[in-house]
Amino acid sequence: DPEHKVLSHSFVESPEMTNLYTGRVTTGAD
């Protein structure tokens, strides 16, 4: 509803300078 509402999310915080990497994979026959 872009004409009437806004959407807000908060940052993810950490005491370290942390980098995040994500993904998905399918294992083979082995």
PDB file of all heavy atoms in Angstrom:
ATOM      1  N   ASP A   1       0.855  -1.189   0.000  1.00  0.00           N
ATOM      2  CA  ASP A   1       0.000   0.000   0.000  1.00  0.00           C
ATOM      3  C   ASP A   1       0.890   1.238   0.000  1.00  0.00           C
ATOM      4  O   ASP A   1       0.965   1.977   0.979  1.00  0.00           O
ATOM      5  CB  ASP A   1      -0.913  -0.013   1.226  1.00  0.00           C
ATOM      6  CG  ASP A   1      -1.986   1.069   1.154  1.00  0.00           C
ATOM      7  OD1 ASP A   1      -2.056   1.798   0.135  1.00  0.00           O
ATOM      8  OD2 ASP A   1      -2.753   1.191   2.128  1.00  0.00           O
ATOM      9  N   PRO A   2       1.610   1.492  -1.107  1.00  0.00           N
ATOM     10  CA  PRO A   2       2.601   2.570  -1.111  1.00  0.00           C
ATOM     11  C   PRO A   2       2.008   3.958  -0.971  1.00  0.00           C
ATOM     12  O   PRO A   2       2.704   4.890  -0.585  1.00  0.00           O
ATOM     13  CB  PRO A   2       3.304   2.391  -2.458  1.00  0.00           C
ATOM     14  CG  PRO A   2       2.305   1.686  -3.318  1.00  0.00           C
ATOM     15  CD  PRO A   2       1.551   0.779  -2.399  1.00  0.00           C
ATOM     16  N   GLU A   3       0.743   4.166  -1.270  1.00  0.00           N
ATOM     17  CA  GLU A   3       0.145   5.501  -1.190  1.00  0.00           C
ATOM     18  C   GLU A   3      -0.297   5.866   0.217  1.00  0.00           C
ATOM     19  O   GLU A   3      -0.502   7.043   0.510  1.00  0.00           O
ATOM     20  CB  GLU A   3      -1.049   5.600  -2.143  1.00  0.00           C
ATOM     21  CG  GLU A   3      -0.667   5.541  -3.606  1.00  0.00           C
ATOM     22  CD  GLU A   3      -1.855   5.801  -4.514  1.00  0.00           C
ATOM     23  OE1 GLU A   3      -2.985   5.948  -4.000  1.00  0.00           O
ATOM     24  OE2 GLU A   3      -1.659   5.858  -5.724  1.00  0.00           O
ATOM     25  N   HIS A   4      -0.455   4.885   1.111  1.00  0.00           N
ATOM     26  CA  HIS A   4      -1.023   5.177   2.414  1.00  0.00           C
ATOM     27  C   HIS A   4      -0.164   4.695   3.583  1.00  0.00           C
ATOM     28  O   HIS A   4      -0.411   5.090   4.722  1.00  0.00           O
ATOM     29  CB  HIS A   4      -2.411   4.549   2.561  1.00  0.00           C
ATOM     30  CG  HIS A   4      -3.386   4.996   1.512  1.00  0.00           C
ATOM     31  ND1 HIS A   4      -3.649   4.257   0.374  1.00  0.00           N
ATOM     32  CD2 HIS A   4      -4.129   6.121   1.417  1.00  0.00           C
ATOM     33  CE1 HIS A   4      -4.530   4.904  -0.368  1.00  0.00           C
ATOM     34  NE2 HIS A   4      -4.834   6.049   0.242  1.00  0.00           N
ATOM     35  N   LYS A   5       0.824   3.834   3.360  1.00  0.00           N
ATOM     36  CA  LYS A   5       1.586   3.273   4.459  1.00  0.00           C
ATOM     37  C   LYS A   5       3.074   3.285   4.143  1.00  0.00           C
ATOM     38  O   LYS A   5       3.476   3.405   2.992  1.00  0.00           O
ATOM     39  CB  LYS A   5       1.156   1.825   4.759  1.00  0.00           C
ATOM     40  CG  LYS A   5      -0.254   1.687   5.286  1.00  0.00           C
ATOM     41  CD  LYS A   5      -0.548   0.233   5.612  1.00  0.00           C
ATOM     42  CE  LYS A   5      -1.964   0.058   6.156  1.00  0.00           C
ATOM     43  NZ  LYS A   5      -2.252  -1.355   6.455  1.00  0.00           N
ATOM     44  N   VAL A   6       3.882   3.164   5.210  1.00  0.00           N
ATOM     45  CA  VAL A   6       5.315   2.954   5.058  1.00  0.00           C
ATOM     46  C   VAL A   6       5.677   1.647   5.748  1.00  0.00           C
ATOM     47  O   VAL A   6       4.952   1.150   6.619  1.00  0.00           O
ATOM     48  CB  VAL A   6       6.137   4.114   5.662  1.00  0.00           C
ATOM     49  CG1 VAL A   6       5.894   5.397   4.920  1.00  0.00           C
ATOM     50  CG2 VAL A   6       5.820   4.283   7.146  1.00  0.00           C
ATOM     51  N   LEU A   7       6.821   1.086   5.388  1.00  0.00           N
ATOM     52  CA  LEU A   7       7.327  -0.145   5.974  1.00  0.00           C
ATOM     53  C   LEU A   7       8.712   0.146   6.543  1.00  0.00           C
ATOM     54  O   LEU A   7       9.559   0.726   5.860  1.00  0.00           O
ATOM     55  CB  LEU A   7       7.418  -1.256   4.918  1.00  0.00           C
ATOM     56  CG  LEU A   7       7.959  -2.605   5.398  1.00  0.00           C
ATOM     57  CD1 LEU A   7       6.998  -3.230   6.403  1.00  0.00           C
ATOM     58  CD2 LEU A   7       8.188  -3.542   4.219  1.00  0.00           C
ATOM     59  N   SER A   8       8.952  -0.243   7.796  1.00  0.00           N
ATOM     60  CA  SER A   8      10.223   0.019   8.453  1.00  0.00           C
ATOM     61  C   SER A   8      10.808  -1.275   8.985  1.00  0.00           C
ATOM     62  O   SER A   8      10.079  -2.145   9.485  1.00  0.00           O
ATOM     63  CB  SER A   8      10.055   1.008   9.614  1.00  0.00           C
ATOM     64  OG  SER A   8       9.570   2.247   9.157  1.00  0.00           O
ATOM     65  N   HIS A   9      12.125  -1.425   8.866  1.00  0.00           N
ATOM     66  CA  HIS A   9      12.874  -2.538   9.445  1.00  0.00           C
ATOM     67  C   HIS A   9      14.055  -1.959  10.213  1.00  0.00           C
ATOM     68  O   HIS A   9      14.587  -0.904   9.872  1.00  0.00           O
ATOM     69  CB  HIS A   9      13.404  -3.484   8.364  1.00  0.00           C
ATOM     70  CG  HIS A   9      12.392  -4.515   7.924  1.00  0.00           C
ATOM     71  ND1 HIS A   9      11.041  -4.304   7.968  1.00  0.00           N
ATOM     72  CD2 HIS A   9      12.562  -5.771   7.410  1.00  0.00           C
ATOM     73  CE1 HIS A   9      10.404  -5.371   7.503  1.00  0.00           C
ATOM     74  NE2 HIS A   9      11.318  -6.275   7.159  1.00  0.00           N
ATOM     75  N   SER A  10      14.498  -2.697  11.239  1.00  0.00           N
ATOM     76  CA  SER A  10      15.639  -2.262  12.026  1.00  0.00           C
ATOM     77  C   SER A  10      16.922  -2.899  11.510  1.00  0.00           C
ATOM     78  O   SER A  10      16.905  -3.975  10.901  1.00  0.00           O
ATOM     79  CB  SER A  10      15.431  -2.647  13.496  1.00  0.00           C
ATOM     80  OG  SER A  10      16.546  -2.283  14.264  1.00  0.00           O
ATOM     81  N   PHE A  11      18.059  -2.216  11.746  1.00  0.00           N
ATOM     82  CA  PHE A  11      19.364  -2.774  11.423  1.00  0.00           C
ATOM     83  C   PHE A  11      19.636  -4.010  12.278  1.00  0.00           C
ATOM     84  O   PHE A  11      19.098  -4.162  13.371  1.00  0.00           O
ATOM     85  CB  PHE A  11      20.466  -1.752  11.693  1.00  0.00           C
ATOM     86  CG  PHE A  11      20.463  -0.566  10.759  1.00  0.00           C
ATOM     87  CD1 PHE A  11      21.074   0.604  11.126  1.00  0.00           C
ATOM     88  CD2 PHE A  11      19.857  -0.617   9.511  1.00  0.00           C
ATOM     89  CE1 PHE A  11      21.095   1.703  10.283  1.00  0.00           C
ATOM     90  CE2 PHE A  11      19.859   0.462   8.669  1.00  0.00           C
ATOM     91  CZ  PHE A  11      20.478   1.630   9.045  1.00  0.00           C
ATOM     92  N   VAL A  12      20.507  -4.899  11.779  1.00  0.00           N
ATOM     93  CA  VAL A  12      21.047  -5.999  12.573  1.00  0.00           C
ATOM     94  C   VAL A  12      22.340  -5.507  13.226  1.00  0.00           C
ATOM     95  O   VAL A  12      23.225  -4.994  12.539  1.00  0.00           O
ATOM     96  CB  VAL A  12      21.315  -7.245  11.697  1.00  0.00           C
ATOM     97  CG1 VAL A  12      21.960  -8.347  12.530  1.00  0.00           C
ATOM     98  CG2 VAL A  12      20.032  -7.741  11.059  1.00  0.00           C
ATOM     99  N   GLU A  13      22.466  -5.625  14.546  1.00  0.00           N
ATOM    100  CA  GLU A  13      23.594  -5.074  15.272  1.00  0.00           C
ATOM    101  C   GLU A  13      24.502  -6.185  15.785  1.00  0.00           C
ATOM    102  O   GLU A  13      24.066  -7.329  15.983  1.00  0.00           O
ATOM    103  CB  GLU A  13      23.113  -4.223  16.457  1.00  0.00           C
ATOM    104  CG  GLU A  13      22.010  -3.232  16.132  1.00  0.00           C
ATOM    105  CD  GLU A  13      22.511  -1.998  15.406  1.00  0.00           C
ATOM    106  OE1 GLU A  13      23.725  -1.919  15.117  1.00  0.00           O
ATOM    107  OE2 GLU A  13      21.691  -1.124  15.113  1.00  0.00           O
ATOM    108  N   SER A  14      25.776  -5.877  16.049  1.00  0.00           N
ATOM    109  CA  SER A  14      26.742  -6.848  16.556  1.00  0.00           C
ATOM    110  C   SER A  14      27.867  -6.089  17.250  1.00  0.00           C
ATOM    111  O   SER A  14      28.228  -4.990  16.831  1.00  0.00           O
ATOM    112  CB  SER A  14      27.315  -7.681  15.410  1.00  0.00           C
ATOM    113  OG  SER A  14      28.423  -8.449  15.847  1.00  0.00           O
ATOM    114  N   PRO A  15      28.453  -6.659  18.322  1.00  0.00           N
ATOM    115  CA  PRO A  15      29.618  -6.006  18.946  1.00  0.00           C
ATOM    116  C   PRO A  15      30.870  -6.094  18.078  1.00  0.00           C
ATOM    117  O   PRO A  15      31.843  -5.390  18.325  1.00  0.00           O
ATOM    118  CB  PRO A  15      29.786  -6.775  20.260  1.00  0.00           C
ATOM    119  CG  PRO A  15      29.178  -8.101  20.012  1.00  0.00           C
ATOM    120  CD  PRO A  15      28.037  -7.865  19.071  1.00  0.00           C
ATOM    121  N   GLU A  16      30.866  -6.996  17.081  1.00  0.00           N
ATOM    122  CA  GLU A  16      31.986  -7.130  16.151  1.00  0.00           C
ATOM    123  C   GLU A  16      31.611  -6.504  14.818  1.00  0.00           C
ATOM    124  O   GLU A  16      30.427  -6.277  14.517  1.00  0.00           O
ATOM    125  CB  GLU A  16      32.327  -8.618  15.941  1.00  0.00           C
ATOM    126  CG  GLU A  16      32.840  -9.322  17.169  1.00  0.00           C
ATOM    127  CD  GLU A  16      34.296  -9.018  17.460  1.00  0.00           C
ATOM    128  OE1 GLU A  16      34.942  -8.305  16.650  1.00  0.00           O
ATOM    129  OE2 GLU A  16      34.787  -9.470  18.482  1.00  0.00           O
ATOM    130  N   MET A  17      32.632  -6.248  13.965  1.00  0.00           N
ATOM    131  CA  MET A  17      32.376  -5.789  12.592  1.00  0.00           C
ATOM    132  C   MET A  17      32.081  -7.018  11.743  1.00  0.00           C
ATOM    133  O   MET A  17      32.949  -7.560  11.059  1.00  0.00           O
ATOM    134  CB  MET A  17      33.568  -5.010  12.054  1.00  0.00           C
ATOM    135  CG  MET A  17      33.867  -3.733  12.813  1.00  0.00           C
ATOM    136  SD  MET A  17      35.267  -2.868  12.076  1.00  0.00           S
ATOM    137  CE  MET A  17      35.378  -1.434  13.121  1.00  0.00           C
ATOM    138  N   THR A  18      30.849  -7.489  11.803  1.00  0.00           N
ATOM    139  CA  THR A  18      30.475  -8.774  11.221  1.00  0.00           C
ATOM    140  C   THR A  18      29.913  -8.592   9.824  1.00  0.00           C
ATOM    141  O   THR A  18      29.059  -7.730   9.589  1.00  0.00           O
ATOM    142  CB  THR A  18      29.444  -9.473  12.117  1.00  0.00           C
ATOM    143  OG1 THR A  18      29.987  -9.605  13.430  1.00  0.00           O
ATOM    144  CG2 THR A  18      29.097 -10.849  11.584  1.00  0.00           C
ATOM    145  N   ASN A  19      30.385  -9.444   8.880  1.00  0.00           N
ATOM    146  CA  ASN A  19      29.839  -9.521   7.525  1.00  0.00           C
ATOM    147  C   ASN A  19      29.005 -10.783   7.396  1.00  0.00           C
ATOM    148  O   ASN A  19      29.350 -11.833   7.951  1.00  0.00           O
ATOM    149  CB  ASN A  19      30.952  -9.535   6.479  1.00  0.00           C
ATOM    150  CG  ASN A  19      31.731  -8.244   6.471  1.00  0.00           C
ATOM    151  OD1 ASN A  19      31.162  -7.170   6.598  1.00  0.00           O
ATOM    152  ND2 ASN A  19      33.054  -8.342   6.336  1.00  0.00           N
ATOM    153  N   LEU A  20      27.898 -10.720   6.648  1.00  0.00           N
ATOM    154  CA  LEU A  20      26.997 -11.858   6.448  1.00  0.00           C
ATOM    155  C   LEU A  20      26.969 -12.227   4.971  1.00  0.00           C
ATOM    156  O   LEU A  20      26.902 -11.344   4.098  1.00  0.00           O
ATOM    157  CB  LEU A  20      25.568 -11.529   6.902  1.00  0.00           C
ATOM    158  CG  LEU A  20      25.229 -11.708   8.382  1.00  0.00           C
ATOM    159  CD1 LEU A  20      25.936 -10.676   9.223  1.00  0.00           C
ATOM    160  CD2 LEU A  20      23.718 -11.627   8.589  1.00  0.00           C
ATOM    161  N   TYR A  21      26.989 -13.568   4.699  1.00  0.00           N
ATOM    162  CA  TYR A  21      26.877 -14.093   3.335  1.00  0.00           C
ATOM    163  C   TYR A  21      25.880 -15.236   3.390  1.00  0.00           C
ATOM    164  O   TYR A  21      25.953 -16.095   4.272  1.00  0.00           O
ATOM    165  CB  TYR A  21      28.231 -14.595   2.813  1.00  0.00           C
ATOM    166  CG  TYR A  21      29.318 -13.551   2.865  1.00  0.00           C
ATOM    167  CD1 TYR A  21      30.015 -13.318   4.048  1.00  0.00           C
ATOM    168  CD2 TYR A  21      29.643 -12.795   1.755  1.00  0.00           C
ATOM    169  CE1 TYR A  21      31.015 -12.353   4.118  1.00  0.00           C
ATOM    170  CE2 TYR A  21      30.640 -11.823   1.816  1.00  0.00           C
ATOM    171  CZ  TYR A  21      31.313 -11.611   3.004  1.00  0.00           C
ATOM    172  OH  TYR A  21      32.285 -10.664   3.067  1.00  0.00           O
ATOM    173  N   THR A  22      24.907 -15.238   2.491  1.00  0.00           N
ATOM    174  CA  THR A  22      23.877 -16.276   2.508  1.00  0.00           C
ATOM    175  C   THR A  22      23.693 -16.856   1.114  1.00  0.00           C
ATOM    176  O   THR A  22      24.095 -16.265   0.112  1.00  0.00           O
ATOM    177  CB  THR A  22      22.537 -15.694   2.992  1.00  0.00           C
ATOM    178  OG1 THR A  22      22.099 -14.708   2.048  1.00  0.00           O
ATOM    179  CG2 THR A  22      22.659 -15.068   4.371  1.00  0.00           C
ATOM    180  N   GLY A  23      23.059 -18.034   1.074  1.00  0.00           N
ATOM    181  CA  GLY A  23      22.737 -18.673  -0.201  1.00  0.00           C
ATOM    182  C   GLY A  23      22.088 -20.020   0.024  1.00  0.00           C
ATOM    183  O   GLY A  23      21.816 -20.417   1.169  1.00  0.00           O
ATOM    184  N   ARG A  24      21.818 -20.734  -1.074  1.00  0.00           N
ATOM    185  CA  ARG A  24      21.263 -22.088  -0.995  1.00  0.00           C
ATOM    186  C   ARG A  24      21.889 -22.938  -2.084  1.00  0.00           C
ATOM    187  O   ARG A  24      22.228 -22.439  -3.161  1.00  0.00           O
ATOM    188  CB  ARG A  24      19.741 -22.086  -1.073  1.00  0.00           C
ATOM    189  CG  ARG A  24      19.151 -21.342  -2.229  1.00  0.00           C
ATOM    190  CD  ARG A  24      17.665 -21.154  -2.047  1.00  0.00           C
ATOM    191  NE  ARG A  24      16.924 -22.390  -2.157  1.00  0.00           N
ATOM    192  CZ  ARG A  24      15.697 -22.576  -1.683  1.00  0.00           C
ATOM    193  NH1 ARG A  24      15.096 -21.603  -1.036  1.00  0.00           N
ATOM    194  NH2 ARG A  24      15.074 -23.737  -1.839  1.00  0.00           N
ATOM    195  N   VAL A  25      22.071 -24.226  -1.801  1.00  0.00           N
ATOM    196  CA  VAL A  25      22.747 -25.145  -2.701  1.00  0.00           C
ATOM    197  C   VAL A  25      22.155 -26.542  -2.503  1.00  0.00           C
ATOM    198  O   VAL A  25      21.626 -26.841  -1.427  1.00  0.00           O
ATOM    199  CB  VAL A  25      24.273 -25.135  -2.423  1.00  0.00           C
ATOM    200  CG1 VAL A  25      24.588 -25.745  -1.070  1.00  0.00           C
ATOM    201  CG2 VAL A  25      25.037 -25.854  -3.520  1.00  0.00           C
ATOM    202  N   THR A  26      22.244 -27.383  -3.547  1.00  0.00           N
ATOM    203  CA  THR A  26      21.749 -28.760  -3.466  1.00  0.00           C
ATOM    204  C   THR A  26      22.926 -29.718  -3.585  1.00  0.00           C
ATOM    205  O   THR A  26      23.755 -29.597  -4.505  1.00  0.00           O
ATOM    206  CB  THR A  26      20.720 -29.039  -4.571  1.00  0.00           C
ATOM    207  OG1 THR A  26      19.641 -28.101  -4.436  1.00  0.00           O
ATOM    208  CG2 THR A  26      20.164 -30.453  -4.461  1.00  0.00           C
ATOM    209  N   THR A  27      23.020 -30.639  -2.652  1.00  0.00           N
ATOM    210  CA  THR A  27      24.118 -31.614  -2.681  1.00  0.00           C
ATOM    211  C   THR A  27      23.907 -32.595  -3.838  1.00  0.00           C
ATOM    212  O   THR A  27      22.777 -32.906  -4.246  1.00  0.00           O
ATOM    213  CB  THR A  27      24.222 -32.379  -1.361  1.00  0.00           C
ATOM    214  OG1 THR A  27      22.985 -33.072  -1.114  1.00  0.00           O
ATOM    215  CG2 THR A  27      24.489 -31.407  -0.204  1.00  0.00           C
ATOM    216  N   GLY A  28      25.039 -33.102  -4.361  1.00  0.00           N
ATOM    217  CA  GLY A  28      24.977 -34.043  -5.479  1.00  0.00           C
ATOM    218  C   GLY A  28      24.729 -35.466  -5.020  1.00  0.00           C
ATOM    219  O   GLY A  28      24.411 -35.737  -3.860  1.00  0.00           O
ATOM    220  N   ALA A  29      24.929 -36.408  -6.016  1.00  0.00           N
ATOM    221  CA  ALA A  29      24.693 -37.826  -5.723  1.00  0.00           C
ATOM    222  C   ALA A  29      25.652 -38.344  -4.670  1.00  0.00           C
ATOM    223  O   ALA A  29      25.347 -39.322  -3.950  1.00  0.00           O
ATOM    224  CB  ALA A  29      24.824 -38.651  -7.009  1.00  0.00           C
ATOM    225  N   ASP A  30      26.827 -37.690  -4.565  1.00  0.00           N
ATOM    226  CA  ASP A  30      27.795 -38.104  -3.536  1.00  0.00           C
ATOM    227  C   ASP A  30      27.554 -37.396  -2.215  1.00  0.00           C
ATOM    228  O   ASP A  30      28.336 -37.557  -1.266  1.00  0.00           O
ATOM    229  CB  ASP A  30      29.208 -37.828  -4.020  1.00  0.00           C
ATOM    230  CG  ASP A  30      29.421 -36.362  -4.346  1.00  0.00           C
ATOM    231  OD1 ASP A  30      28.427 -35.576  -4.315  1.00  0.00           O
ATOM    232  OD2 ASP A  30      30.560 -35.997  -4.640  1.00  0.00           O
TER     233      ASP A  30
END
